Amino acid sequence: MKLKLIATIAVLSSVVSANAQISKHRKYDWGWSYKLEMPETGMKCEFPEKPTIITLAYGYMTAASFKDELFIAAKLENHSPYDLQCRTEEFTTELRKVYGLHLNNLKWNEIETVNGHLTASADSKWGWAKYHVDAIATEDVLTIFVYAHHGELSVPGHFFASSYSVNDMQPGDLHYATAAKQTKYAKSLEKDHGRSLVKLENTSVTLEWPATPAMEANRHGSTYALNQKGSHYATRVIESGPLMSYSFFNAFIAQEQQKCSATSSLEMIADETEIPVQFDRNKEVYFRKMTFKTGDKTHHRFYVAADNRIIVQELETTTEPTLAETRYLNTFEQSVRNKYDTKTLVLK
């Protein structure tokens, strides 16, 4: 069957994005190739034909066809790197709705960290066409590469597939944090000696601190922190995507664990996860509570995923929790369970 995707490319808009840069690159047996440069990330890729540039609501994509193959590279805004699978599937859904490209039922591999950036790959098949997708998330940009072929991938297809690499990018920060926009003392609802009741910004979660913490806010969320009597208290609110999933939740925690174990061996003491008994994509809530040691420090962490965000409570201490530390831990747990109470399955 002759390539139906060529007809798809023919109807794509020719509106040019100012960001993508395309230039004639090399001459091969089949003709000239074209290089796409994406200034937002520093990534480059090589198309076997000159691609068409299409402006999208949240970025742009470039597309080209060569014989029985289709090549797509897209740049999308992505405010949560840990949402790369959902954002990619939103993009492929748009391809199906607007351009009739049936790139669905993606089979995802595990999210990985390459050169300090989150990456994920998937494959799909519809009719006679095989599809491969690579998604690469930087701080606030999601880059998606798609190629489709019939049968074995051709030599031009191999050139395209090997022309982009996350290893060519500047190393990224696993937490993708930006400079704080503001630093101030958190607002206390109630305060007296040895007690400061603080409501986390833009949430209904309230917890008790032994003193008023400092609060930093940036475009990805907010962080509350306090150092007192050799212990470190912190609570973070990280904005995530509209579709929180169990795999994204665990990917985030895995990055946290990787950072903790980078400088010292990690000894797990307790690890308990709670997931919904009945899944509802609009109301999924995940809890994970763990205690572990690195060197002489004991870490108490409680992760909550709900309402399009991840909330992390931390306590690092070299002794058993004091009364003030225990109140700090308990008031957070009580508050999140009162807010996000749901039927869950406990995994230990």
C-alpha atoms as a PDB file:
ATOM      1  CA  MET A   1       0.000   0.000   0.000  1.00  0.00           C
ATOM      2  CA  LYS A   2       1.427   3.364  -0.988  1.00  0.00           C
ATOM      3  CA  LEU A   3       2.131   5.714   1.878  1.00  0.00           C
ATOM      4  CA  LYS A   4      -1.059   7.331   3.136  1.00  0.00           C
ATOM      5  CA  LEU A   5       0.961   9.564   5.406  1.00  0.00           C
ATOM      6  CA  ILE A   6       2.269  11.584   2.451  1.00  0.00           C
ATOM      7  CA  ALA A   7      -1.268  12.813   1.935  1.00  0.00           C
ATOM      8  CA  THR A   8      -1.365  13.750   5.588  1.00  0.00           C
ATOM      9  CA  ILE A   9       1.748  15.881   5.230  1.00  0.00           C
ATOM     10  CA  ALA A  10       0.266  17.613   2.193  1.00  0.00           C
ATOM     11  CA  VAL A  11      -2.559  19.096   4.261  1.00  0.00           C
ATOM     12  CA  LEU A  12      -0.366  20.377   7.063  1.00  0.00           C
ATOM     13  CA  SER A  13      -0.259  24.123   7.551  1.00  0.00           C
ATOM     14  CA  SER A  14       2.826  25.874   6.209  1.00  0.00           C
ATOM     15  CA  VAL A  15       2.795  28.557   8.904  1.00  0.00           C
ATOM     16  CA  VAL A  16       6.427  29.048   9.942  1.00  0.00           C
ATOM     17  CA  SER A  17       7.530  29.244  13.559  1.00  0.00           C
ATOM     18  CA  ALA A  18      10.255  31.752  14.320  1.00  0.00           C
ATOM     19  CA  ASN A  19      11.960  29.303  16.693  1.00  0.00           C
ATOM     20  CA  ALA A  20      12.747  26.321  14.490  1.00  0.00           C
ATOM     21  CA  GLN A  21      15.811  26.708  12.248  1.00  0.00           C
ATOM     22  CA  ILE A  22      16.115  24.505   9.162  1.00  0.00           C
ATOM     23  CA  SER A  23      19.086  24.379   6.795  1.00  0.00           C
ATOM     24  CA  LYS A  24      20.336  22.167   3.975  1.00  0.00           C
ATOM     25  CA  HIS A  25      22.790  19.740   5.548  1.00  0.00           C
ATOM     26  CA  ARG A  26      24.430  16.876   3.625  1.00  0.00           C
ATOM     27  CA  LYS A  27      24.149  15.177   0.240  1.00  0.00           C
ATOM     28  CA  TYR A  28      23.512  11.431   0.257  1.00  0.00           C
ATOM     29  CA  ASP A  29      22.731   8.843  -2.412  1.00  0.00           C
ATOM     30  CA  TRP A  30      19.030   9.663  -2.066  1.00  0.00           C
ATOM     31  CA  GLY A  31      19.565  13.450  -2.142  1.00  0.00           C
ATOM     32  CA  TRP A  32      20.021  16.291   0.330  1.00  0.00           C
ATOM     33  CA  SER A  33      19.187  16.037   4.001  1.00  0.00           C
ATOM     34  CA  TYR A  34      18.037  18.959   6.152  1.00  0.00           C
ATOM     35  CA  LYS A  35      19.098  19.833   9.680  1.00  0.00           C
ATOM     36  CA  LEU A  36      16.594  21.092  12.249  1.00  0.00           C
ATOM     37  CA  GLU A  37      18.005  23.124  15.156  1.00  0.00           C
ATOM     38  CA  MET A  38      15.842  23.729  18.233  1.00  0.00           C
ATOM     39  CA  PRO A  39      17.304  26.677  20.186  1.00  0.00           C
ATOM     40  CA  GLU A  40      15.083  26.042  23.225  1.00  0.00           C
ATOM     41  CA  THR A  41      16.994  22.876  24.088  1.00  0.00           C
ATOM     42  CA  GLY A  42      20.036  22.882  21.823  1.00  0.00           C
ATOM     43  CA  MET A  43      18.869  19.664  20.164  1.00  0.00           C
ATOM     44  CA  LYS A  44      19.420  18.959  16.471  1.00  0.00           C
ATOM     45  CA  CYS A  45      18.038  16.327  14.132  1.00  0.00           C
ATOM     46  CA  GLU A  46      18.428  15.379  10.472  1.00  0.00           C
ATOM     47  CA  PHE A  47      15.496  14.912   8.097  1.00  0.00           C
ATOM     48  CA  PRO A  48      15.869  13.031   4.792  1.00  0.00           C
ATOM     49  CA  GLU A  49      13.624  15.676   3.143  1.00  0.00           C
ATOM     50  CA  LYS A  50      12.962  19.341   3.856  1.00  0.00           C
ATOM     51  CA  PRO A  51      10.333  19.357   6.614  1.00  0.00           C
ATOM     52  CA  THR A  52       7.219  21.523   6.872  1.00  0.00           C
ATOM     53  CA  ILE A  53       6.967  23.679   9.993  1.00  0.00           C
ATOM     54  CA  ILE A  54       3.593  23.850  11.748  1.00  0.00           C
ATOM     55  CA  THR A  55       2.796  26.271  14.562  1.00  0.00           C
ATOM     56  CA  LEU A  56       0.913  24.668  17.449  1.00  0.00           C
ATOM     57  CA  ALA A  57      -0.947  26.207  20.380  1.00  0.00           C
ATOM     58  CA  TYR A  58       1.882  25.231  22.758  1.00  0.00           C
ATOM     59  CA  GLY A  59       4.902  25.104  20.474  1.00  0.00           C
ATOM     60  CA  TYR A  60       5.588  23.828  16.979  1.00  0.00           C
ATOM     61  CA  MET A  61       6.285  20.662  15.048  1.00  0.00           C
ATOM     62  CA  THR A  62       8.208  19.851  11.886  1.00  0.00           C
ATOM     63  CA  ALA A  63       7.184  16.996   9.601  1.00  0.00           C
ATOM     64  CA  ALA A  64       8.553  15.358   6.469  1.00  0.00           C
ATOM     65  CA  SER A  65       7.900  12.189   4.496  1.00  0.00           C
ATOM     66  CA  PHE A  66      10.309  10.107   2.448  1.00  0.00           C
ATOM     67  CA  LYS A  67       9.041   7.153   0.427  1.00  0.00           C
ATOM     68  CA  ASP A  68       7.232   4.914   2.940  1.00  0.00           C
ATOM     69  CA  GLU A  69       8.315   6.782   6.055  1.00  0.00           C
ATOM     70  CA  LEU A  70       7.162   9.754   8.126  1.00  0.00           C
ATOM     71  CA  PHE A  71       9.356  11.901  10.373  1.00  0.00           C
ATOM     72  CA  ILE A  72       8.128  14.349  13.021  1.00  0.00           C
ATOM     73  CA  ALA A  73       9.947  16.490  15.579  1.00  0.00           C
ATOM     74  CA  ALA A  74       7.885  18.631  17.949  1.00  0.00           C
ATOM     75  CA  LYS A  75       8.651  21.142  20.676  1.00  0.00           C
ATOM     76  CA  LEU A  76       5.932  21.717  23.291  1.00  0.00           C
ATOM     77  CA  GLU A  77       5.712  23.776  26.450  1.00  0.00           C
ATOM     78  CA  ASN A  78       5.698  21.460  29.444  1.00  0.00           C
ATOM     79  CA  HIS A  79       5.612  22.937  32.938  1.00  0.00           C
ATOM     80  CA  SER A  80       6.068  19.558  34.630  1.00  0.00           C
ATOM     81  CA  PRO A  81       8.873  17.310  33.319  1.00  0.00           C
ATOM     82  CA  TYR A  82       7.301  14.357  35.146  1.00  0.00           C
ATOM     83  CA  ASP A  83       4.219  14.673  32.929  1.00  0.00           C
ATOM     84  CA  LEU A  84       6.064  13.762  29.737  1.00  0.00           C
ATOM     85  CA  GLN A  85       3.980  10.674  28.935  1.00  0.00           C
ATOM     86  CA  CYS A  86       0.607  12.391  29.334  1.00  0.00           C
ATOM     87  CA  ARG A  87       1.726  15.449  27.363  1.00  0.00           C
ATOM     88  CA  THR A  88       3.072  13.190  24.608  1.00  0.00           C
ATOM     89  CA  GLU A  89      -0.207  11.292  24.421  1.00  0.00           C
ATOM     90  CA  GLU A  90      -2.111  14.597  24.271  1.00  0.00           C
ATOM     91  CA  PHE A  91       0.074  15.521  21.281  1.00  0.00           C
ATOM     92  CA  THR A  92      -0.477  12.197  19.517  1.00  0.00           C
ATOM     93  CA  THR A  93      -4.237  12.507  20.162  1.00  0.00           C
ATOM     94  CA  GLU A  94      -4.126  15.895  18.429  1.00  0.00           C
ATOM     95  CA  LEU A  95      -2.304  14.300  15.492  1.00  0.00           C
ATOM     96  CA  ARG A  96      -5.122  11.779  15.177  1.00  0.00           C
ATOM     97  CA  LYS A  97      -7.936  14.341  15.481  1.00  0.00           C
ATOM     98  CA  VAL A  98      -6.498  17.008  13.183  1.00  0.00           C
ATOM     99  CA  TYR A  99      -4.343  15.067  10.737  1.00  0.00           C
ATOM    100  CA  GLY A 100      -5.852  11.567  10.836  1.00  0.00           C
ATOM    101  CA  LEU A 101      -2.620  10.054  12.103  1.00  0.00           C
ATOM    102  CA  HIS A 102      -3.606   7.023  14.204  1.00  0.00           C
ATOM    103  CA  LEU A 103      -0.717   7.117  16.617  1.00  0.00           C
ATOM    104  CA  ASN A 104      -2.423   5.674  19.689  1.00  0.00           C
ATOM    105  CA  ASN A 105      -2.197   2.756  22.153  1.00  0.00           C
ATOM    106  CA  LEU A 106       1.426   3.605  22.885  1.00  0.00           C
ATOM    107  CA  LYS A 107       3.402   0.944  24.736  1.00  0.00           C
ATOM    108  CA  TRP A 108       5.728   2.902  27.032  1.00  0.00           C
ATOM    109  CA  ASN A 109       9.084   1.836  28.398  1.00  0.00           C
ATOM    110  CA  GLU A 110      10.174   2.960  31.859  1.00  0.00           C
ATOM    111  CA  ILE A 111      10.969   6.627  32.397  1.00  0.00           C
ATOM    112  CA  GLU A 112      14.745   7.044  32.542  1.00  0.00           C
ATOM    113  CA  THR A 113      17.235   9.768  33.353  1.00  0.00           C
ATOM    114  CA  VAL A 114      19.755  10.491  30.591  1.00  0.00           C
ATOM    115  CA  ASN A 115      22.306  13.288  30.985  1.00  0.00           C
ATOM    116  CA  GLY A 116      20.168  14.763  33.754  1.00  0.00           C
ATOM    117  CA  HIS A 117      16.968  14.858  31.683  1.00  0.00           C
ATOM    118  CA  LEU A 118      13.877  12.659  31.887  1.00  0.00           C
ATOM    119  CA  THR A 119      13.293  10.461  28.839  1.00  0.00           C
ATOM    120  CA  ALA A 120      10.742   7.868  27.773  1.00  0.00           C
ATOM    121  CA  SER A 121      10.229   5.809  24.615  1.00  0.00           C
ATOM    122  CA  ALA A 122       7.148   4.108  23.200  1.00  0.00           C
ATOM    123  CA  ASP A 123       6.048   2.040  20.217  1.00  0.00           C
ATOM    124  CA  SER A 124       2.726   1.646  18.481  1.00  0.00           C
ATOM    125  CA  LYS A 125       1.228   0.010  15.419  1.00  0.00           C
ATOM    126  CA  TRP A 126      -1.846   0.875  13.388  1.00  0.00           C
ATOM    127  CA  GLY A 127      -2.701  -1.004  10.227  1.00  0.00           C
ATOM    128  CA  TRP A 128       0.417  -1.364   8.157  1.00  0.00           C
ATOM    129  CA  ALA A 129       2.470   1.350   9.883  1.00  0.00           C
ATOM    130  CA  LYS A 130       4.840   0.956  12.801  1.00  0.00           C
ATOM    131  CA  TYR A 131       5.535   3.991  14.968  1.00  0.00           C
ATOM    132  CA  HIS A 132       8.313   4.848  17.379  1.00  0.00           C
ATOM    133  CA  VAL A 133       8.177   7.801  19.786  1.00  0.00           C
ATOM    134  CA  ASP A 134      10.909   9.356  21.927  1.00  0.00           C
ATOM    135  CA  ALA A 135       9.977  11.985  24.529  1.00  0.00           C
ATOM    136  CA  ILE A 136      12.617  14.152  26.226  1.00  0.00           C
ATOM    137  CA  ALA A 137      11.683  16.546  29.045  1.00  0.00           C
ATOM    138  CA  THR A 138      13.839  19.479  30.069  1.00  0.00           C
ATOM    139  CA  GLU A 139      12.868  22.118  32.631  1.00  0.00           C
ATOM    140  CA  ASP A 140       9.834  23.458  30.775  1.00  0.00           C
ATOM    141  CA  VAL A 141      10.144  22.014  27.261  1.00  0.00           C
ATOM    142  CA  LEU A 142       9.012  18.637  25.971  1.00  0.00           C
ATOM    143  CA  THR A 143      10.656  17.469  22.751  1.00  0.00           C
ATOM    144  CA  ILE A 144       8.948  14.631  20.869  1.00  0.00           C
ATOM    145  CA  PHE A 145      10.386  12.662  17.959  1.00  0.00           C
ATOM    146  CA  VAL A 146       8.195  10.325  15.909  1.00  0.00           C
ATOM    147  CA  TYR A 147       9.024   8.169  12.926  1.00  0.00           C
ATOM    148  CA  ALA A 148       6.756   5.752  11.110  1.00  0.00           C
ATOM    149  CA  HIS A 149       7.731   3.049   8.662  1.00  0.00           C
ATOM    150  CA  HIS A 150       6.386  -0.016   6.893  1.00  0.00           C
ATOM    151  CA  GLY A 151       8.508  -3.099   7.450  1.00  0.00           C
ATOM    152  CA  GLU A 152      12.171  -2.493   8.217  1.00  0.00           C
ATOM    153  CA  LEU A 153      13.486   1.004   8.865  1.00  0.00           C
ATOM    154  CA  SER A 154      15.356   2.371   5.851  1.00  0.00           C
ATOM    155  CA  VAL A 155      18.830   3.933   5.818  1.00  0.00           C
ATOM    156  CA  PRO A 156      17.367   7.500   5.819  1.00  0.00           C
ATOM    157  CA  GLY A 157      15.181   6.417   8.729  1.00  0.00           C
ATOM    158  CA  HIS A 158      18.242   5.249  10.657  1.00  0.00           C
ATOM    159  CA  PHE A 159      19.935   8.592   9.976  1.00  0.00           C
ATOM    160  CA  PHE A 160      16.950  10.431  11.454  1.00  0.00           C
ATOM    161  CA  ALA A 161      16.682   8.096  14.449  1.00  0.00           C
ATOM    162  CA  SER A 162      20.354   8.495  15.314  1.00  0.00           C
ATOM    163  CA  SER A 163      20.613  12.230  14.605  1.00  0.00           C
ATOM    164  CA  TYR A 164      19.086  13.420  17.889  1.00  0.00           C
ATOM    165  CA  SER A 165      20.526  12.549  21.263  1.00  0.00           C
ATOM    166  CA  VAL A 166      19.835  13.802  24.771  1.00  0.00           C
ATOM    167  CA  ASN A 167      23.537  13.243  25.452  1.00  0.00           C
ATOM    168  CA  ASP A 168      24.318  16.199  23.172  1.00  0.00           C
ATOM    169  CA  MET A 169      22.368  18.557  25.433  1.00  0.00           C
ATOM    170  CA  GLN A 170      23.729  20.461  28.394  1.00  0.00           C
ATOM    171  CA  PRO A 171      23.343  18.316  31.553  1.00  0.00           C
ATOM    172  CA  GLY A 172      20.066  19.050  33.311  1.00  0.00           C
ATOM    173  CA  ASP A 173      19.007  19.334  36.932  1.00  0.00           C
ATOM    174  CA  LEU A 174      17.021  16.305  38.063  1.00  0.00           C
ATOM    175  CA  HIS A 175      14.656  18.561  39.983  1.00  0.00           C
ATOM    176  CA  TYR A 176      14.307  21.109  37.165  1.00  0.00           C
ATOM    177  CA  ALA A 177      14.076  23.896  39.737  1.00  0.00           C
ATOM    178  CA  THR A 178      14.250  27.542  38.721  1.00  0.00           C
ATOM    179  CA  ALA A 179      15.586  30.442  40.748  1.00  0.00           C
ATOM    180  CA  ALA A 180      13.163  31.449  43.458  1.00  0.00           C
ATOM    181  CA  LYS A 181      10.996  34.407  42.565  1.00  0.00           C
ATOM    182  CA  GLN A 182      10.391  35.350  46.163  1.00  0.00           C
ATOM    183  CA  THR A 183      11.619  34.389  49.596  1.00  0.00           C
ATOM    184  CA  LYS A 184       9.731  35.314  52.737  1.00  0.00           C
ATOM    185  CA  TYR A 185       8.524  33.957  56.054  1.00  0.00           C
ATOM    186  CA  ALA A 186       5.473  31.762  55.674  1.00  0.00           C
ATOM    187  CA  LYS A 187       2.219  33.161  57.012  1.00  0.00           C
ATOM    188  CA  SER A 188       1.280  31.579  60.341  1.00  0.00           C
ATOM    189  CA  LEU A 189      -2.369  30.942  61.152  1.00  0.00           C
ATOM    190  CA  GLU A 190      -1.520  30.594  64.841  1.00  0.00           C
ATOM    191  CA  LYS A 191       1.751  31.162  66.613  1.00  0.00           C
ATOM    192  CA  ASP A 192       3.125  30.855  70.116  1.00  0.00           C
ATOM    193  CA  HIS A 193       6.370  29.654  71.706  1.00  0.00           C
ATOM    194  CA  GLY A 194       7.397  26.398  70.080  1.00  0.00           C
ATOM    195  CA  ARG A 195       4.411  26.276  67.745  1.00  0.00           C
ATOM    196  CA  SER A 196       3.630  27.777  64.339  1.00  0.00           C
ATOM    197  CA  LEU A 197       0.588  26.596  62.381  1.00  0.00           C
ATOM    198  CA  VAL A 198       1.137  27.136  58.627  1.00  0.00           C
ATOM    199  CA  LYS A 199      -1.200  26.525  55.712  1.00  0.00           C
ATOM    200  CA  LEU A 200       0.652  25.577  52.518  1.00  0.00           C
ATOM    201  CA  GLU A 201       0.158  28.127  49.765  1.00  0.00           C
ATOM    202  CA  ASN A 202      -2.647  27.335  47.282  1.00  0.00           C
ATOM    203  CA  THR A 203      -3.638  24.198  49.227  1.00  0.00           C
ATOM    204  CA  SER A 204      -5.823  23.334  52.191  1.00  0.00           C
ATOM    205  CA  VAL A 205      -3.016  21.372  53.852  1.00  0.00           C
ATOM    206  CA  THR A 206      -2.012  22.729  57.273  1.00  0.00           C
ATOM    207  CA  LEU A 207       0.817  21.557  59.535  1.00  0.00           C
ATOM    208  CA  GLU A 208       2.567  22.564  62.727  1.00  0.00           C
ATOM    209  CA  TRP A 209       6.196  23.709  62.826  1.00  0.00           C
ATOM    210  CA  PRO A 210       8.399  24.357  65.871  1.00  0.00           C
ATOM    211  CA  ALA A 211       8.975  27.904  64.479  1.00  0.00           C
ATOM    212  CA  THR A 212       7.898  29.903  61.441  1.00  0.00           C
ATOM    213  CA  PRO A 213       9.593  28.477  58.309  1.00  0.00           C
ATOM    214  CA  ALA A 214      10.977  30.447  55.382  1.00  0.00           C
ATOM    215  CA  MET A 215       9.030  30.090  52.149  1.00  0.00           C
ATOM    216  CA  GLU A 216      10.356  30.249  48.584  1.00  0.00           C
ATOM    217  CA  ALA A 217       8.006  30.314  45.615  1.00  0.00           C
ATOM    218  CA  ASN A 218       8.757  29.843  41.943  1.00  0.00           C
ATOM    219  CA  ARG A 219       6.747  28.973  38.876  1.00  0.00           C
ATOM    220  CA  HIS A 220       6.853  25.250  39.652  1.00  0.00           C
ATOM    221  CA  GLY A 221       5.607  25.429  43.217  1.00  0.00           C
ATOM    222  CA  SER A 222       6.757  26.439  46.676  1.00  0.00           C
ATOM    223  CA  THR A 223       9.173  25.221  49.340  1.00  0.00           C
ATOM    224  CA  TYR A 224       8.945  25.741  53.108  1.00  0.00           C
ATOM    225  CA  ALA A 225      12.101  25.102  55.124  1.00  0.00           C
ATOM    226  CA  LEU A 226      13.340  25.380  58.697  1.00  0.00           C
ATOM    227  CA  ASN A 227      16.601  24.349  60.379  1.00  0.00           C
ATOM    228  CA  GLN A 228      16.385  24.034  64.147  1.00  0.00           C
ATOM    229  CA  LYS A 229      18.446  22.202  66.782  1.00  0.00           C
ATOM    230  CA  GLY A 230      20.335  20.153  64.194  1.00  0.00           C
ATOM    231  CA  SER A 231      17.204  18.976  62.350  1.00  0.00           C
ATOM    232  CA  HIS A 232      16.016  20.010  58.914  1.00  0.00           C
ATOM    233  CA  TYR A 233      12.298  20.463  58.251  1.00  0.00           C
ATOM    234  CA  ALA A 234      10.959  20.996  54.719  1.00  0.00           C
ATOM    235  CA  THR A 235       7.664  20.768  52.888  1.00  0.00           C
ATOM    236  CA  ARG A 236       7.512  21.175  49.127  1.00  0.00           C
ATOM    237  CA  VAL A 237       4.559  21.675  46.796  1.00  0.00           C
ATOM    238  CA  ILE A 238       5.414  20.759  43.188  1.00  0.00           C
ATOM    239  CA  GLU A 239       2.924  21.556  40.453  1.00  0.00           C
ATOM    240  CA  SER A 240       2.494  18.608  38.093  1.00  0.00           C
ATOM    241  CA  GLY A 241       0.396  17.859  35.038  1.00  0.00           C
ATOM    242  CA  PRO A 242      -3.361  17.486  34.677  1.00  0.00           C
ATOM    243  CA  LEU A 243      -3.141  13.695  34.620  1.00  0.00           C
ATOM    244  CA  MET A 244      -1.149  12.378  37.565  1.00  0.00           C
ATOM    245  CA  SER A 245      -0.377   8.684  37.288  1.00  0.00           C
ATOM    246  CA  TYR A 246       1.266   6.083  39.481  1.00  0.00           C
ATOM    247  CA  SER A 247       4.235   5.756  37.100  1.00  0.00           C
ATOM    248  CA  PHE A 248       4.907   9.520  37.171  1.00  0.00           C
ATOM    249  CA  PHE A 249       4.597   9.553  40.962  1.00  0.00           C
ATOM    250  CA  ASN A 250       7.152   6.759  41.301  1.00  0.00           C
ATOM    251  CA  ALA A 251       9.451   8.326  38.708  1.00  0.00           C
ATOM    252  CA  PHE A 252       9.555  11.514  40.760  1.00  0.00           C
ATOM    253  CA  ILE A 253      10.373   9.614  43.964  1.00  0.00           C
ATOM    254  CA  ALA A 254      13.036   7.567  42.168  1.00  0.00           C
ATOM    255  CA  GLN A 255      14.823  10.792  41.212  1.00  0.00           C
ATOM    256  CA  GLU A 256      14.677  11.925  44.835  1.00  0.00           C
ATOM    257  CA  GLN A 257      16.185   8.637  46.013  1.00  0.00           C
ATOM    258  CA  GLN A 258      18.880   8.834  43.376  1.00  0.00           C
ATOM    259  CA  LYS A 259      19.936  12.251  44.641  1.00  0.00           C
ATOM    260  CA  CYS A 260      20.031  11.057  48.265  1.00  0.00           C
ATOM    261  CA  SER A 261      22.166   8.020  47.405  1.00  0.00           C
ATOM    262  CA  ALA A 262      24.599   9.981  45.212  1.00  0.00           C
ATOM    263  CA  THR A 263      26.829  11.000  48.132  1.00  0.00           C
ATOM    264  CA  SER A 264      26.077   8.327  50.729  1.00  0.00           C
ATOM    265  CA  SER A 265      24.736   4.792  50.882  1.00  0.00           C
ATOM    266  CA  LEU A 266      20.994   4.596  51.474  1.00  0.00           C
ATOM    267  CA  GLU A 267      19.529   2.192  54.023  1.00  0.00           C
ATOM    268  CA  MET A 268      15.751   1.765  53.805  1.00  0.00           C
ATOM    269  CA  ILE A 269      14.000   1.314  57.159  1.00  0.00           C
ATOM    270  CA  ALA A 270      10.318   1.543  56.189  1.00  0.00           C
ATOM    271  CA  ASP A 271       8.508   2.073  52.890  1.00  0.00           C
ATOM    272  CA  GLU A 272       4.723   2.023  52.529  1.00  0.00           C
ATOM    273  CA  THR A 273       2.681   2.987  49.465  1.00  0.00           C
ATOM    274  CA  GLU A 274      -1.065   3.501  49.191  1.00  0.00           C
ATOM    275  CA  ILE A 275      -2.804   3.473  45.810  1.00  0.00           C
ATOM    276  CA  PRO A 276      -6.518   3.759  44.938  1.00  0.00           C
ATOM    277  CA  VAL A 277      -8.563   0.583  45.071  1.00  0.00           C
ATOM    278  CA  GLN A 278     -10.690   1.853  42.172  1.00  0.00           C
ATOM    279  CA  PHE A 279      -8.961   4.091  39.667  1.00  0.00           C
ATOM    280  CA  ASP A 280     -10.535   7.369  38.622  1.00  0.00           C
ATOM    281  CA  ARG A 281      -8.225   9.384  36.374  1.00  0.00           C
ATOM    282  CA  ASN A 282      -9.703  12.643  37.668  1.00  0.00           C
ATOM    283  CA  LYS A 283      -9.439  11.809  41.377  1.00  0.00           C
ATOM    284  CA  GLU A 284      -6.412   9.593  41.768  1.00  0.00           C
ATOM    285  CA  VAL A 285      -4.539  10.071  45.038  1.00  0.00           C
ATOM    286  CA  TYR A 286      -1.263   8.345  45.928  1.00  0.00           C
ATOM    287  CA  PHE A 287       0.524   8.255  49.270  1.00  0.00           C
ATOM    288  CA  ARG A 288       4.027   7.008  49.934  1.00  0.00           C
ATOM    289  CA  LYS A 289       5.618   7.157  53.360  1.00  0.00           C
ATOM    290  CA  MET A 290       9.218   6.138  53.921  1.00  0.00           C
ATOM    291  CA  THR A 291      12.030   6.261  56.453  1.00  0.00           C
ATOM    292  CA  PHE A 292      15.652   5.712  55.445  1.00  0.00           C
ATOM    293  CA  LYS A 293      19.192   6.492  56.564  1.00  0.00           C
ATOM    294  CA  THR A 294      22.129   8.135  54.784  1.00  0.00           C
ATOM    295  CA  GLY A 295      25.245   8.279  56.922  1.00  0.00           C
ATOM    296  CA  ASP A 296      24.262   9.490  60.405  1.00  0.00           C
ATOM    297  CA  LYS A 297      21.026  11.120  59.230  1.00  0.00           C
ATOM    298  CA  THR A 298      17.568   9.618  59.397  1.00  0.00           C
ATOM    299  CA  HIS A 299      15.127  10.868  56.737  1.00  0.00           C
ATOM    300  CA  HIS A 300      11.363  10.824  57.186  1.00  0.00           C
ATOM    301  CA  ARG A 301       9.492  11.541  53.949  1.00  0.00           C
ATOM    302  CA  PHE A 302       5.821  11.565  53.093  1.00  0.00           C
ATOM    303  CA  TYR A 303       4.832  11.959  49.428  1.00  0.00           C
ATOM    304  CA  VAL A 304       1.263  12.837  48.416  1.00  0.00           C
ATOM    305  CA  ALA A 305       0.072  13.091  44.808  1.00  0.00           C
ATOM    306  CA  ALA A 306      -3.304  14.816  44.387  1.00  0.00           C
ATOM    307  CA  ASP A 307      -4.963  17.837  42.765  1.00  0.00           C
ATOM    308  CA  ASN A 308      -2.374  18.062  39.955  1.00  0.00           C
ATOM    309  CA  ARG A 309       0.511  18.413  42.397  1.00  0.00           C
ATOM    310  CA  ILE A 310       2.954  16.437  44.504  1.00  0.00           C
ATOM    311  CA  ILE A 311       3.384  17.474  48.144  1.00  0.00           C
ATOM    312  CA  VAL A 312       6.498  16.283  49.959  1.00  0.00           C
ATOM    313  CA  GLN A 313       7.080  16.502  53.695  1.00  0.00           C
ATOM    314  CA  GLU A 314      10.663  15.982  54.908  1.00  0.00           C
ATOM    315  CA  LEU A 315      12.364  15.679  58.261  1.00  0.00           C
ATOM    316  CA  GLU A 316      16.099  14.999  58.550  1.00  0.00           C
ATOM    317  CA  THR A 317      17.492  14.347  62.024  1.00  0.00           C
ATOM    318  CA  THR A 318      20.334  12.528  63.746  1.00  0.00           C
ATOM    319  CA  THR A 319      18.222  11.525  66.758  1.00  0.00           C
ATOM    320  CA  GLU A 320      14.839  10.004  67.443  1.00  0.00           C
ATOM    321  CA  PRO A 321      12.017  12.488  66.620  1.00  0.00           C
ATOM    322  CA  THR A 322      11.366  14.917  69.452  1.00  0.00           C
ATOM    323  CA  LEU A 323       7.884  15.923  70.552  1.00  0.00           C
ATOM    324  CA  ALA A 324       7.950  18.981  68.260  1.00  0.00           C
ATOM    325  CA  GLU A 325       9.158  16.852  65.338  1.00  0.00           C
ATOM    326  CA  THR A 326       6.462  14.259  65.977  1.00  0.00           C
ATOM    327  CA  ARG A 327       3.782  16.977  65.936  1.00  0.00           C
ATOM    328  CA  TYR A 328       5.228  18.244  62.649  1.00  0.00           C
ATOM    329  CA  LEU A 329       4.973  14.765  61.120  1.00  0.00           C
ATOM    330  CA  ASN A 330       1.543  13.943  62.544  1.00  0.00           C
ATOM    331  CA  THR A 331      -0.268  17.194  61.708  1.00  0.00           C
ATOM    332  CA  PHE A 332       0.773  16.900  58.060  1.00  0.00           C
ATOM    333  CA  GLU A 333      -0.465  13.322  57.788  1.00  0.00           C
ATOM    334  CA  GLN A 334      -3.726  14.177  59.511  1.00  0.00           C
ATOM    335  CA  SER A 335      -4.262  17.172  57.237  1.00  0.00           C
ATOM    336  CA  VAL A 336      -3.614  15.359  53.945  1.00  0.00           C
ATOM    337  CA  ARG A 337      -5.745  12.387  54.963  1.00  0.00           C
ATOM    338  CA  ASN A 338      -8.615  14.658  55.997  1.00  0.00           C
ATOM    339  CA  LYS A 339      -8.363  16.394  52.634  1.00  0.00           C
ATOM    340  CA  TYR A 340      -7.656  13.436  50.344  1.00  0.00           C
ATOM    341  CA  ASP A 341      -9.281  10.543  52.185  1.00  0.00           C
ATOM    342  CA  THR A 342      -9.928   7.741  49.702  1.00  0.00           C
ATOM    343  CA  LYS A 343     -10.155   3.968  49.582  1.00  0.00           C
ATOM    344  CA  THR A 344      -6.605   2.773  49.102  1.00  0.00           C
ATOM    345  CA  LEU A 345      -4.629  -0.425  48.817  1.00  0.00           C
ATOM    346  CA  VAL A 346      -1.532  -0.507  51.046  1.00  0.00           C
ATOM    347  CA  LEU A 347       1.673  -1.880  49.538  1.00  0.00           C
ATOM    348  CA  LYS A 348       4.616  -2.621  51.854  1.00  0.00           C
END
